[in-house]
Protein backbone atom coordinates (compact mmCIF):
# COMPACT_ATOMS: atom_id res chain seq x y z
CA MET A 1 287.92 61.24 245.82
CA LEU A 2 287.62 57.47 246.09
CA ILE A 3 285.48 57.84 249.21
CA PHE A 4 283.21 60.30 247.42
CA ILE A 5 282.72 57.91 244.50
CA PHE A 6 281.90 55.07 246.90
CA ASN A 7 279.29 57.19 248.69
CA ILE A 8 277.59 57.91 245.38
CA MET A 9 277.78 54.35 244.14
CA LYS A 10 276.15 52.88 247.23
CA TYR A 11 272.92 54.73 246.36
CA SER A 12 273.00 53.97 242.65
CA ASP A 13 270.70 50.96 242.37
CA LYS A 14 267.38 51.89 243.92
CA GLU A 15 265.98 48.44 243.19
CA LEU A 16 268.43 46.97 245.68
CA ILE A 17 267.04 49.10 248.49
CA ARG A 18 263.37 49.51 247.50
CA GLY A 19 261.14 47.86 250.07
CA SER A 20 264.05 46.71 252.22
CA LYS A 21 262.37 48.29 255.28
CA GLY A 22 258.80 47.42 254.37
CA ASP A 23 256.08 48.29 251.90
CA ASP A 24 254.36 51.16 253.71
CA LEU A 25 255.05 53.51 250.77
CA ILE A 26 254.74 51.02 247.94
CA ASN A 27 253.28 52.58 244.77
CA LYS A 28 253.56 56.06 246.31
CA LYS A 29 255.19 58.87 244.34
CA ILE A 30 256.96 61.49 246.45
CA THR A 31 258.46 64.71 245.16
CA LEU A 32 261.40 65.70 247.33
CA CYS A 33 262.19 69.41 247.03
CA ILE A 34 265.59 70.61 248.25
CA THR A 35 266.57 74.22 248.97
CA GLY A 36 269.83 75.93 249.82
CA SER A 37 270.41 74.97 253.43
CA ILE A 38 273.60 73.24 254.50
CA ALA A 39 271.30 70.41 255.63
CA ALA A 40 270.68 69.65 251.94
CA TYR A 41 273.30 66.91 252.14
CA ARG A 42 270.92 64.99 254.45
CA SER A 43 268.39 64.76 251.63
CA VAL A 44 270.37 61.97 249.99
CA ASP A 45 269.82 59.73 253.00
CA LEU A 46 266.22 60.92 253.29
CA ALA A 47 265.51 59.91 249.69
CA ARG A 48 267.01 56.49 250.35
CA GLU A 49 264.87 55.99 253.49
CA LEU A 50 261.73 56.73 251.48
CA ILE A 51 262.80 54.32 248.75
CA ARG A 52 263.48 51.66 251.38
CA LEU A 53 259.80 51.87 252.28
CA GLY A 54 258.80 51.35 248.67
CA ALA A 55 258.37 54.92 247.41
CA GLU A 56 259.28 56.30 244.01
CA VAL A 57 261.15 59.54 244.68
CA TYR A 58 261.52 62.51 242.29
CA VAL A 59 263.79 65.41 243.20
CA VAL A 60 263.46 69.15 242.56
CA MET A 61 266.35 71.44 243.52
CA SER A 62 266.77 75.19 243.83
CA ASP A 63 269.88 76.89 242.44
CA ALA A 64 271.26 77.33 245.95
CA ALA A 65 270.75 73.64 246.74
CA LYS A 66 272.87 72.69 243.71
CA GLU A 67 275.80 74.55 245.27
CA ILE A 68 275.66 72.19 248.27
CA VAL A 69 274.75 68.83 246.71
CA HIS A 70 275.30 68.10 243.03
CA PRO A 71 272.14 66.94 241.22
CA TYR A 72 274.03 63.89 239.98
CA VAL A 73 274.12 62.58 243.55
CA LEU A 74 270.33 62.78 243.87
CA GLU A 75 269.91 61.25 240.41
CA TRP A 76 272.00 58.25 241.47
CA ALA A 77 270.19 58.08 244.80
CA THR A 78 266.71 57.98 243.27
CA GLY A 79 267.25 56.61 239.78
CA ASN A 80 265.25 59.53 238.38
CA SER A 81 266.21 62.73 236.59
CA VAL A 82 266.45 65.80 238.81
CA VAL A 83 264.54 69.00 237.99
CA THR A 84 266.77 72.03 238.53
CA GLU A 85 265.18 74.79 236.46
CA LEU A 86 261.87 76.01 235.10
CA THR A 87 261.44 75.08 231.46
CA GLY A 88 258.01 76.15 230.37
CA GLY A 89 256.27 74.64 233.37
CA VAL A 90 256.07 71.03 232.14
CA GLU A 91 258.07 69.47 234.96
CA HIS A 92 256.74 71.48 237.87
CA VAL A 93 253.13 71.06 236.78
CA ALA A 94 253.59 67.30 236.41
CA LEU A 95 255.38 66.95 239.74
CA GLY A 96 252.86 69.19 241.47
CA THR A 97 249.83 67.23 240.28
CA LYS A 98 250.92 63.66 239.57
CA THR A 99 252.50 62.90 242.89
CA ASP A 100 251.11 61.65 246.20
CA LEU A 101 253.05 64.06 248.40
CA ILE A 102 255.42 67.03 248.21
CA LEU A 103 258.24 67.00 250.80
CA ILE A 104 260.36 70.14 251.04
CA ALA A 105 263.36 69.15 253.13
CA PRO A 106 265.28 71.21 253.97
CA CYS A 107 263.30 74.39 253.44
CA THR A 108 265.00 77.75 253.92
CA ALA A 109 263.24 80.75 255.44
CA ASN A 110 263.32 82.41 252.03
CA THR A 111 261.51 79.54 250.29
CA LEU A 112 259.06 79.13 253.16
CA ALA A 113 258.06 82.81 252.99
CA LYS A 114 257.69 82.67 249.21
CA ILE A 115 255.38 79.65 249.33
CA ALA A 116 253.23 81.34 251.99
CA SER A 117 253.00 84.45 249.78
CA GLY A 118 252.18 82.56 246.59
CA ILE A 119 255.47 83.42 244.86
CA SER A 120 256.55 80.87 242.22
CA ASP A 121 259.96 81.92 240.88
CA THR A 122 262.01 78.75 241.49
CA PRO A 123 261.41 75.10 240.63
CA VAL A 124 260.66 74.38 244.29
CA THR A 125 258.20 77.23 244.84
CA ALA A 126 256.53 76.46 241.51
CA VAL A 127 255.96 72.82 242.45
CA ALA A 128 254.62 73.89 245.85
CA SER A 129 252.26 76.41 244.28
CA VAL A 130 250.84 73.85 241.87
CA ALA A 131 250.48 71.28 244.67
CA LEU A 132 248.61 73.75 246.89
CA GLY A 133 246.17 74.41 244.08
CA SER A 134 245.78 70.67 243.45
CA GLN A 135 245.18 69.69 247.08
CA ILE A 136 248.31 67.55 247.13
CA PRO A 137 249.68 67.01 250.68
CA ILE A 138 252.75 69.13 251.43
CA ILE A 139 255.26 68.63 254.23
CA ILE A 140 257.80 71.35 254.94
CA VAL A 141 260.91 70.88 257.07
CA PRO A 142 262.21 74.38 257.95
CA THR A 143 265.95 74.63 258.59
CA MET A 144 267.50 77.99 259.43
CA HIS A 145 269.32 79.97 262.10
CA GLY A 146 267.46 79.90 265.41
CA PRO A 147 266.70 83.65 265.60
CA MET A 148 265.17 83.53 262.09
CA TYR A 149 262.71 80.90 263.27
CA LYS A 150 261.59 83.38 265.94
CA ASN A 151 261.15 86.18 263.39
CA ARG A 152 257.53 87.31 263.53
CA ALA A 153 257.27 87.31 259.74
CA ILE A 154 258.47 83.69 259.62
CA ILE A 155 256.14 82.71 262.45
CA GLU A 156 253.22 84.26 260.58
CA ALA A 157 254.26 82.51 257.36
CA ILE A 158 254.35 79.17 259.14
CA GLU A 159 250.93 79.74 260.70
CA LYS A 160 249.55 80.75 257.30
CA LEU A 161 250.91 77.57 255.72
CA LYS A 162 249.43 75.46 258.51
CA SER A 163 246.05 77.10 257.92
CA MET A 164 246.38 76.05 254.27
CA GLY A 165 246.86 72.43 255.32
CA VAL A 166 250.64 72.30 255.03
CA ILE A 167 252.34 70.03 257.57
CA ILE A 168 255.32 71.60 259.32
CA VAL A 169 257.93 69.28 260.85
CA GLU A 170 259.53 71.21 263.67
CA PRO A 171 263.34 71.46 263.62
CA LYS A 172 265.71 70.52 266.41
CA PHE A 173 266.91 73.58 268.27
CA GLU A 174 270.62 73.23 269.04
CA GLU A 175 273.53 75.70 269.09
CA ASN A 176 271.17 78.59 268.37
CA LYS A 177 270.15 76.91 265.12
CA ALA A 178 266.94 75.30 263.92
CA LYS A 179 268.51 72.08 262.67
CA PHE A 180 267.29 69.30 260.44
CA PRO A 181 265.19 66.79 262.44
CA GLU A 182 266.05 63.10 262.65
CA LEU A 183 265.23 61.30 259.43
CA ASP A 184 262.83 58.88 261.10
CA GLU A 185 260.80 61.84 262.42
CA ILE A 186 260.43 63.19 258.88
CA VAL A 187 259.58 59.77 257.48
CA PHE A 188 256.99 59.27 260.23
CA ASN A 189 255.25 62.47 259.13
CA VAL A 190 255.29 61.26 255.52
CA LEU A 191 253.72 57.97 256.59
CA ASN A 192 251.12 59.81 258.67
CA ALA A 193 250.11 61.91 255.69
CA LEU A 194 249.73 58.89 253.39
CA TYR A 195 248.49 56.09 255.67
CA GLU A 196 244.94 54.79 255.34
CA LYS A 197 243.08 55.93 258.47
CA ASP A 198 241.21 52.66 259.06
CA LEU A 199 241.25 53.08 262.85
CA LYS A 200 239.97 56.64 262.86
CA GLY A 201 237.60 57.41 265.75
CA LEU A 202 238.90 54.60 267.96
CA ASN A 203 240.58 55.21 271.32
CA PHE A 204 243.65 53.08 272.04
CA LEU A 205 245.42 52.76 275.38
CA VAL A 206 248.85 51.12 275.17
CA THR A 207 251.49 50.31 277.77
CA ALA A 208 255.15 49.87 276.86
CA GLY A 209 258.50 49.42 278.54
CA GLY A 210 259.57 47.98 281.85
CA THR A 211 258.97 49.35 285.32
CA ILE A 212 261.35 49.70 288.25
CA GLU A 213 260.98 48.88 291.93
CA TYR A 214 263.35 50.48 294.41
CA ILE A 215 265.50 48.48 296.80
CA ASP A 216 267.00 51.72 298.07
CA PRO A 217 267.27 55.20 296.47
CA VAL A 218 269.91 54.03 293.95
CA ARG A 219 269.25 50.29 293.46
CA ILE A 220 266.30 48.86 291.61
CA ILE A 221 264.55 45.69 290.46
CA THR A 222 263.59 45.70 286.79
CA ASN A 223 263.72 43.57 283.63
CA LYS A 224 265.30 43.65 280.16
CA SER A 225 262.32 45.12 278.30
CA SER A 226 263.25 47.65 275.61
CA GLY A 227 259.71 48.98 275.15
CA LYS A 228 260.00 48.66 271.37
CA MET A 229 256.97 46.44 270.81
CA GLY A 230 254.59 48.72 272.68
CA VAL A 231 255.98 51.89 271.12
CA TYR A 232 255.68 50.43 267.62
CA ILE A 233 252.08 49.38 268.31
CA ALA A 234 251.25 52.89 269.56
CA GLU A 235 252.88 54.46 266.51
CA GLU A 236 251.10 52.12 264.09
CA ALA A 237 247.72 52.81 265.71
CA TYR A 238 248.41 56.56 265.54
CA LEU A 239 249.36 56.38 261.86
CA ARG A 240 246.11 54.55 261.17
CA GLY A 241 244.08 57.36 262.68
CA ALA A 242 243.42 56.15 266.23
CA ASN A 243 243.49 58.41 269.28
CA VAL A 244 246.42 56.93 271.17
CA THR A 245 247.57 57.26 274.76
CA LEU A 246 250.87 55.54 275.57
CA ILE A 247 251.79 54.81 279.18
CA LEU A 248 255.56 54.43 278.98
CA GLY A 249 257.98 52.93 281.45
CA ARG A 250 261.70 52.33 280.95
CA SER A 251 262.36 52.22 277.21
CA THR A 252 265.31 52.39 274.85
CA ILE A 253 263.26 54.36 272.32
CA LYS A 254 260.87 57.28 272.43
CA PRO A 255 257.64 57.50 270.41
CA LYS A 256 257.33 60.00 267.59
CA HIS A 257 255.78 63.42 268.16
CA GLY A 258 252.00 63.57 268.18
CA ILE A 259 251.33 60.59 270.40
CA ARG A 260 250.10 61.39 273.91
CA VAL A 261 252.65 59.91 276.31
CA ILE A 262 252.41 59.43 280.08
CA GLU A 263 255.75 58.42 281.59
CA ILE A 264 255.84 56.31 284.74
CA GLU A 265 258.43 54.45 286.84
CA ARG A 266 256.90 51.84 289.14
CA THR A 267 254.41 49.06 288.48
CA GLU A 268 251.93 50.71 290.83
CA ASP A 269 252.28 53.94 288.85
CA MET A 270 251.49 52.09 285.63
CA LEU A 271 248.49 50.41 287.25
CA ASN A 272 247.13 53.69 288.61
CA MET A 273 247.52 55.47 285.29
CA VAL A 274 245.85 52.62 283.39
CA LEU A 275 242.89 52.57 285.76
CA ASN A 276 242.63 56.36 285.72
CA GLU A 277 242.58 56.42 281.92
CA LEU A 278 239.99 53.63 281.71
CA ARG A 279 237.74 55.50 284.14
CA THR A 280 238.21 58.83 282.34
CA LEU A 281 237.80 57.91 278.68
CA ASN A 282 235.94 55.25 276.74
CA TYR A 283 238.84 53.22 275.37
CA HIS A 284 237.88 50.80 272.63
CA VAL A 285 241.18 48.90 272.89
CA PHE A 286 243.77 48.37 275.62
CA ILE A 287 247.04 46.75 274.54
CA ALA A 288 249.15 45.71 277.51
CA ALA A 289 252.55 45.50 275.83
CA GLY A 290 254.35 46.89 278.86
CA ALA A 291 256.57 44.70 281.01
CA PRO A 292 255.91 45.66 284.63
CA ALA A 293 258.27 44.20 287.22
CA ASP A 294 256.65 41.16 288.83
CA PHE A 295 258.23 41.67 292.24
CA LYS A 296 259.20 44.52 294.52
CA ALA A 297 261.16 44.83 297.73
CA LYS A 298 258.87 44.30 300.72
CA ASP A 299 260.85 46.79 302.77
CA PRO A 300 262.64 49.30 300.49
CA LYS A 301 265.14 51.46 302.32
CA SER A 302 265.01 55.24 302.32
CA TYR A 303 268.81 55.34 302.54
CA LYS A 304 271.55 53.86 300.35
CA ILE A 305 272.50 50.44 301.68
CA ASP A 306 276.21 50.35 302.50
CA SER A 307 277.89 47.89 300.12
CA ARG A 308 280.27 46.92 302.93
CA THR A 309 277.41 45.67 305.08
CA GLY A 310 278.03 42.12 303.90
CA ASN A 311 275.28 39.68 303.07
CA ILE A 312 271.76 41.07 303.20
CA ILE A 313 268.42 39.34 302.90
CA LEU A 314 266.07 40.92 300.38
CA GLU A 315 262.46 39.87 300.82
CA LEU A 316 260.30 40.29 297.72
CA GLU A 317 256.56 40.49 297.27
CA PRO A 318 254.48 40.39 294.08
CA THR A 319 253.39 43.57 292.35
CA PRO A 320 249.76 44.01 291.22
CA LYS A 321 248.78 42.40 287.91
CA ILE A 322 247.52 45.25 285.75
CA VAL A 323 245.61 43.20 283.16
CA GLU A 324 243.52 41.53 285.89
CA HIS A 325 241.86 44.88 286.64
CA VAL A 326 241.03 46.00 283.10
CA LYS A 327 237.74 44.20 282.44
CA LYS A 328 236.53 44.99 285.95
CA ILE A 329 236.85 48.70 285.20
CA SER A 330 235.92 48.73 281.51
CA ARG A 331 234.37 45.44 280.44
CA ASN A 332 233.64 46.57 276.87
CA THR A 333 237.27 47.45 276.17
CA LEU A 334 238.98 44.93 273.88
CA LEU A 335 241.89 43.63 275.95
CA VAL A 336 245.13 42.50 274.29
CA ALA A 337 247.57 40.98 276.77
CA PHE A 338 251.15 39.80 276.30
CA LYS A 339 252.58 36.58 277.71
CA ALA A 340 256.33 35.97 277.80
CA GLU A 341 257.72 32.50 278.54
CA TYR A 342 261.23 31.07 278.49
CA ASN A 343 262.51 28.07 276.56
CA ILE A 344 259.32 26.06 276.05
CA SER A 345 257.74 24.30 273.07
CA ASP A 346 255.28 25.92 270.67
CA ASP A 347 252.41 23.78 271.94
CA MET A 348 253.15 24.64 275.57
CA LEU A 349 253.45 28.33 274.70
CA VAL A 350 250.02 28.33 273.07
CA LYS A 351 248.57 26.35 275.98
CA LYS A 352 249.91 28.81 278.54
CA ALA A 353 248.67 31.74 276.47
CA LYS A 354 245.14 30.32 276.38
CA GLU A 355 245.20 29.70 280.14
CA TYR A 356 246.37 33.27 280.68
CA LEU A 357 243.66 34.62 278.38
CA ASP A 358 240.98 32.86 280.43
CA LEU A 359 242.54 33.95 283.72
CA VAL A 360 242.55 37.68 282.95
CA ASN A 361 239.48 37.63 280.68
CA ALA A 362 241.48 38.94 277.72
CA ASP A 363 240.29 38.95 274.12
CA LEU A 364 243.73 38.28 272.65
CA VAL A 365 247.06 37.14 274.04
CA ILE A 366 250.32 37.73 272.20
CA ALA A 367 252.69 34.99 273.38
CA ASN A 368 256.42 34.72 272.78
CA ASP A 369 259.40 32.75 274.05
CA VAL A 370 262.15 35.16 275.09
CA GLY A 371 264.61 32.27 275.23
CA ARG A 372 264.67 31.97 271.43
CA ALA A 373 267.33 33.63 269.30
CA ASN A 374 266.54 37.19 268.17
CA ALA A 375 263.14 37.14 269.89
CA GLY A 376 261.92 39.13 272.87
CA PHE A 377 263.95 41.67 274.78
CA ASN A 378 266.37 44.26 273.34
CA VAL A 379 266.11 43.19 269.70
CA ASP A 380 264.16 44.53 266.73
CA THR A 381 262.57 41.17 265.88
CA ASN A 382 260.25 38.70 267.56
CA GLU A 383 258.33 35.49 266.98
CA VAL A 384 254.80 35.44 268.38
CA PHE A 385 251.72 33.28 268.65
CA ILE A 386 248.41 35.17 268.72
CA VAL A 387 245.76 33.36 270.75
CA GLY A 388 242.07 34.18 271.02
CA LYS A 389 239.12 32.75 272.90
CA GLN A 390 238.85 29.83 270.47
CA GLY A 391 242.58 29.07 270.56
CA LEU A 392 245.47 29.83 268.22
CA ILE A 393 244.63 32.50 265.64
CA THR A 394 247.98 32.77 263.91
CA HIS A 395 251.71 32.25 264.29
CA ILE A 396 253.99 35.06 263.13
CA PRO A 397 257.48 33.68 262.47
CA LEU A 398 260.56 35.73 263.29
CA SER A 399 259.77 39.20 261.91
CA PRO A 400 260.55 42.87 262.59
CA LYS A 401 258.53 44.15 265.53
CA LYS A 402 257.07 46.88 263.34
CA VAL A 403 255.64 44.20 261.05
CA ILE A 404 254.23 42.34 264.05
CA ALA A 405 252.63 45.55 265.33
CA LYS A 406 250.86 45.98 261.99
CA LYS A 407 249.58 42.38 262.00
CA ILE A 408 248.34 42.63 265.59
CA LEU A 409 246.35 45.74 264.73
CA ASN A 410 244.94 44.08 261.62
CA ILE A 411 243.49 41.34 263.84
CA VAL A 412 242.23 43.91 266.36
CA LYS A 413 240.52 45.81 263.55
CA GLU A 414 238.81 42.62 262.32
CA MET A 415 237.55 41.86 265.84
CA ILE A 416 236.16 45.38 266.26
CA ASN A 417 234.42 45.22 262.88
CA LYS A 418 232.71 41.97 263.87
CA GLU A 419 231.23 43.49 267.04
């Protein structure tokens, strides 16, 4: 019982968590509808994630949902009263019209079919019906047994809802069940529905992650890149309406669904895919956030080198520099390059970034010192200097990489608007 009380109490003060992960949903009102799936317990954490991004969250629960999670828990989690029954229509009309988005998570097959058929006999279906008539965005997260998701009637209901503009977040299929997706996948869909599409109509090509070069079939040369910076840039551009292609090497994270991803291994593969994309499509922006290996084995072996061989001499040769080819192929593409240095002063970092910008004919260079604490590889934060043709544009002190991605794209947008 003590553990249960602690779990409730940790959600109780929404002001302590509001905006702790950013302000992407600041001033947004979200109605979170919960139905009677066992996954309903996940809705507490989902509400908190939305609040952490600045949202005001209101909860509506079906009778079956109340049997799984007590409304008091959601009231403590959100700081707002929970609607659990229809009382003359006041609550469901207000929540269906005076909110920025309706999120039904989890949504049972029963509720999904009712919404598709226009049935409004529960607080959740009533809110959905009002929202559909008011052109309020709706996101549904179906959660049910796997065979039910393959039921033709359910498939047709889902297709009907999609045709009505409802966003369906696909479940994870495991153990013959259509399970609740990861919370960040749901939140990403919420952001996508509410983000300002200020990059709509623009084509972005982004590289992310490290590459590998084989010494033999099992041994490789690589670097410590996590791929996070490039993935976050691709996601941010996608949320803002751009058409995004991500060329992804070794990475500790995967981009959210919806982004076109081309996975590669070697530096030469990354180069070939970049050049192929630039020749195929008119890309307005190329952001080279990837970290291709700078060297490769001159004579890689087709067999596994015996570790008992003793000392061996490994001769290395440089790999091709991808950014040097970009303007030669597509000179009108805005080129954003990255420059990593180690343990140097701010002035020297800016100087080297400007030299690199001139060398590769880039429009922007994002420079950072990977020798500094909590900056660079395998962390969620970085400190960068953004350099343009006239010199230093701005310095972003140690910040989350997602925040840096947003600021980089703000500068890119300004440059495009000036052209």
